[in-house]
Amino acid sequence: MPIHESSINVSQLIVLNLAQTSETLPIHESSINVSQQIVLNLAQTSETLPIHESSINVSQLIVLNLAQTSQTLPIHESSINVSQLIVLNLAQTSETLPIHESSINVSQLIVLNLAQTSETLPIPESSINVSQLIVLNLAQTSETLPIHESSINVSQLIVLNLAQTSETLPIHESSINVSQLILLNLAQTSET
């Protein structure tokens, strides 16, 4: 998924790969079947989302701004409040995400491509503070990032904790396979 310079203002946007699910995601007064090929700019600002030809394979990607909704997204036996969380399933894509300098403003947006990794993210049985957690695929580094009593090999991931609130994400199971799911809470960060 090449992104040309200045082509996307990623403020309040999420790139989602939800091609494998037939669940519907209620958004305000409308509903979207996320199994379809949809590219949406639902940003709350006046910014637009120009997408160059052939720049995004929308058969596997959905661009959604879910910042203003309190609807829930059923996931297997559990539910997640998507008013603060985005669930990404990138297991089925092999697309790469070249990011040129100054091409993305990551204010309240995550762009992920985790198709190549099967690493797991151990999470304590209680909860993890992901109020402003950003997970990025930056395959050029091999550093590790300790999280509580566990660590993540960020040869494919960098976890940036920009948390400033006390919101938590209850996790029933002990770990998340990041090759399939990433749980993100986009809060109010303006970091770039």
Protein backbone atom coordinates (compact mmCIF):
# COMPACT_ATOMS: atom_id res chain seq x y z
CA MET A 1 0.00 0.00 0.00
CA PRO A 2 2.23 2.78 -1.25
CA ILE A 3 1.39 6.17 0.18
CA HIS A 4 2.67 9.11 -1.84
CA GLU A 5 4.04 12.21 -0.18
CA SER A 6 1.30 14.43 1.25
CA SER A 7 -1.31 12.09 -0.16
CA ILE A 8 -3.04 11.31 3.12
CA ASN A 9 -3.80 13.43 6.12
CA VAL A 10 -4.02 10.61 8.60
CA SER A 11 -5.45 12.72 11.39
CA GLN A 12 -8.27 10.73 12.99
CA LEU A 13 -8.04 7.92 10.45
CA ILE A 14 -7.36 4.24 10.76
CA VAL A 15 -6.38 1.85 8.03
CA LEU A 16 -8.11 -1.43 8.65
CA ASN A 17 -7.89 -4.76 6.96
CA LEU A 18 -11.21 -6.38 7.71
CA ALA A 19 -11.66 -8.25 4.45
CA GLN A 20 -12.17 -11.59 6.12
CA THR A 21 -15.10 -10.67 8.33
CA SER A 22 -18.76 -10.28 7.51
CA GLU A 23 -19.60 -8.46 10.70
CA THR A 24 -21.26 -5.09 10.35
CA LEU A 25 -20.00 -2.02 12.12
CA PRO A 26 -22.73 0.45 13.07
CA ILE A 27 -21.54 4.00 12.56
CA HIS A 28 -23.95 6.67 13.80
CA GLU A 29 -27.06 6.37 11.62
CA SER A 30 -25.55 4.11 8.98
CA SER A 31 -24.04 0.67 8.84
CA ILE A 32 -21.11 -0.64 6.87
CA ASN A 33 -20.45 -4.22 5.95
CA VAL A 34 -16.73 -4.38 6.48
CA SER A 35 -16.40 -7.40 4.23
CA GLN A 36 -16.88 -5.02 1.32
CA GLN A 37 -14.27 -2.88 -0.40
CA ILE A 38 -14.67 0.47 1.28
CA VAL A 39 -12.48 3.52 1.56
CA LEU A 40 -14.00 6.22 3.70
CA ASN A 41 -12.94 9.53 5.06
CA LEU A 42 -15.07 10.14 8.12
CA ALA A 43 -12.74 12.62 9.75
CA GLN A 44 -14.16 15.27 12.03
CA THR A 45 -11.93 17.94 10.55
CA SER A 46 -12.07 19.57 7.14
CA GLU A 47 -9.12 17.53 5.90
CA THR A 48 -9.67 15.26 2.94
CA LEU A 49 -8.23 11.87 2.06
CA PRO A 50 -6.80 11.98 -1.46
CA ILE A 51 -5.92 8.48 -2.65
CA HIS A 52 -3.78 8.20 -5.75
CA GLU A 53 -4.60 5.57 -8.35
CA SER A 54 -3.36 2.10 -7.41
CA SER A 55 -2.14 3.45 -4.09
CA ILE A 56 -4.43 1.34 -1.90
CA ASN A 57 -5.84 -2.11 -2.39
CA VAL A 58 -9.26 -1.52 -0.91
CA SER A 59 -10.27 -5.14 -1.25
CA GLN A 60 -8.37 -5.66 1.98
CA LEU A 61 -8.26 -2.19 3.47
CA ILE A 62 -10.86 0.04 5.01
CA VAL A 63 -10.17 3.57 6.11
CA LEU A 64 -12.43 4.50 8.95
CA ASN A 65 -12.60 7.19 11.54
CA LEU A 66 -14.29 5.59 14.53
CA ALA A 67 -13.42 8.30 17.00
CA GLN A 68 -16.98 9.48 17.56
CA THR A 69 -18.88 6.24 17.90
CA SER A 70 -19.65 4.24 21.01
CA GLN A 71 -20.87 1.18 19.14
CA THR A 72 -19.30 -2.16 19.89
CA LEU A 73 -17.64 -4.55 17.49
CA PRO A 74 -18.39 -8.19 18.33
CA ILE A 75 -15.24 -10.28 18.18
CA HIS A 76 -15.71 -13.97 18.74
CA GLU A 77 -17.02 -14.32 22.29
CA SER A 78 -16.01 -10.88 23.51
CA SER A 79 -16.91 -7.32 22.65
CA ILE A 80 -14.77 -4.24 22.33
CA ASN A 81 -15.92 -0.67 22.63
CA VAL A 82 -14.72 0.92 19.43
CA SER A 83 -15.26 4.43 20.71
CA GLN A 84 -11.64 4.24 21.85
CA LEU A 85 -10.37 1.11 20.16
CA ILE A 86 -9.64 -0.09 16.68
CA VAL A 87 -9.29 -3.76 15.88
CA LEU A 88 -7.07 -4.61 12.98
CA ASN A 89 -6.82 -7.93 11.24
CA LEU A 90 -3.87 -7.82 8.89
CA ALA A 91 -3.21 -11.54 8.68
CA GLN A 92 -4.42 -11.96 5.14
CA THR A 93 -2.45 -9.26 3.34
CA SER A 94 1.07 -9.23 2.02
CA GLU A 95 1.04 -5.59 0.98
CA THR A 96 3.90 -3.42 2.15
CA LEU A 97 3.60 0.09 3.50
CA PRO A 98 6.35 2.41 2.26
CA ILE A 99 6.15 5.66 4.19
CA HIS A 100 7.97 8.63 2.73
CA GLU A 101 9.21 11.49 4.82
CA SER A 102 6.45 13.84 5.96
CA SER A 103 3.87 11.69 4.22
CA ILE A 104 1.86 10.79 7.30
CA ASN A 105 0.66 12.86 10.21
CA VAL A 106 0.07 10.23 12.84
CA SER A 107 -2.11 12.41 14.98
CA GLN A 108 -4.81 10.00 16.15
CA LEU A 109 -4.04 7.45 13.42
CA ILE A 110 -2.34 4.14 13.10
CA VAL A 111 -1.19 2.47 9.95
CA LEU A 112 -0.22 -1.15 10.37
CA ASN A 113 1.10 -3.92 8.23
CA LEU A 114 1.71 -6.94 10.39
CA ALA A 115 1.19 -9.66 7.83
CA GLN A 116 4.73 -10.96 8.03
CA THR A 117 4.98 -11.61 11.75
CA SER A 118 3.63 -14.26 14.05
CA GLU A 119 5.01 -12.67 17.19
CA THR A 120 2.73 -12.57 20.19
CA LEU A 121 2.10 -9.75 22.60
CA PRO A 122 1.93 -11.12 26.14
CA ILE A 123 -0.49 -9.16 28.27
CA PRO A 124 -0.87 -9.57 32.04
CA GLU A 125 -4.07 -11.23 33.13
CA SER A 126 -5.43 -7.94 34.37
CA SER A 127 -5.24 -5.24 31.73
CA ILE A 128 -2.91 -3.08 29.67
CA ASN A 129 -3.02 0.68 29.41
CA VAL A 130 -3.49 1.31 25.73
CA SER A 131 -5.19 4.66 26.03
CA GLN A 132 -2.77 6.16 23.53
CA LEU A 133 -0.76 3.18 22.43
CA ILE A 134 0.52 3.17 18.90
CA VAL A 135 1.83 0.06 17.22
CA LEU A 136 3.76 0.51 14.02
CA ASN A 137 5.41 -1.86 11.61
CA LEU A 138 8.94 -0.50 11.25
CA ALA A 139 10.87 -3.51 10.07
CA GLN A 140 14.27 -1.86 10.08
CA THR A 141 14.92 -2.14 13.80
CA SER A 142 15.68 -5.14 15.96
CA GLU A 143 15.36 -3.45 19.33
CA THR A 144 13.06 -4.78 22.00
CA LEU A 145 10.60 -2.89 24.12
CA PRO A 146 9.90 -4.22 27.63
CA ILE A 147 6.23 -4.11 28.61
CA HIS A 148 5.51 -4.93 32.23
CA GLU A 149 7.10 -8.34 32.78
CA SER A 150 7.21 -9.18 29.10
CA SER A 151 8.83 -7.79 26.00
CA ILE A 152 8.17 -7.39 22.31
CA ASN A 153 10.64 -7.97 19.54
CA VAL A 154 10.24 -4.83 17.53
CA SER A 155 12.18 -6.06 14.54
CA GLN A 156 8.76 -5.81 12.99
CA LEU A 157 7.00 -3.65 15.56
CA ILE A 158 7.55 -0.54 17.56
CA VAL A 159 5.20 0.12 20.41
CA LEU A 160 4.93 3.75 21.34
CA ASN A 161 3.21 4.46 24.60
CA LEU A 162 1.83 7.97 24.52
CA ALA A 163 -0.67 7.33 27.25
CA GLN A 164 -1.96 10.21 29.32
CA THR A 165 -5.22 8.86 30.60
CA SER A 166 -6.13 5.96 32.82
CA GLU A 167 -8.26 4.11 30.30
CA THR A 168 -7.55 0.41 30.25
CA LEU A 169 -8.24 -2.44 27.88
CA PRO A 170 -9.43 -5.59 29.66
CA ILE A 171 -8.01 -8.68 27.98
CA HIS A 172 -9.56 -12.03 28.82
CA GLU A 173 -6.82 -14.13 27.34
CA SER A 174 -3.15 -13.80 28.24
CA SER A 175 -1.81 -12.82 24.87
CA ILE A 176 -2.70 -11.44 21.46
CA ASN A 177 -1.37 -12.76 18.19
CA VAL A 178 -0.35 -9.56 16.51
CA SER A 179 -0.27 -11.26 13.14
CA GLN A 180 -4.04 -11.20 13.30
CA LEU A 181 -5.15 -8.57 15.77
CA ILE A 182 -3.91 -5.32 17.18
CA LEU A 183 -5.96 -3.53 19.78
CA LEU A 184 -5.47 0.17 19.70
CA ASN A 185 -6.90 3.05 21.62
CA LEU A 186 -6.54 6.29 19.73
CA ALA A 187 -7.26 8.96 22.27
CA GLN A 188 -6.25 12.58 22.00
CA THR A 189 -2.59 12.51 21.02
CA SER A 190 -1.17 14.97 18.55
CA GLU A 191 2.26 13.40 18.35
CA THR A 192 3.81 13.01 14.91
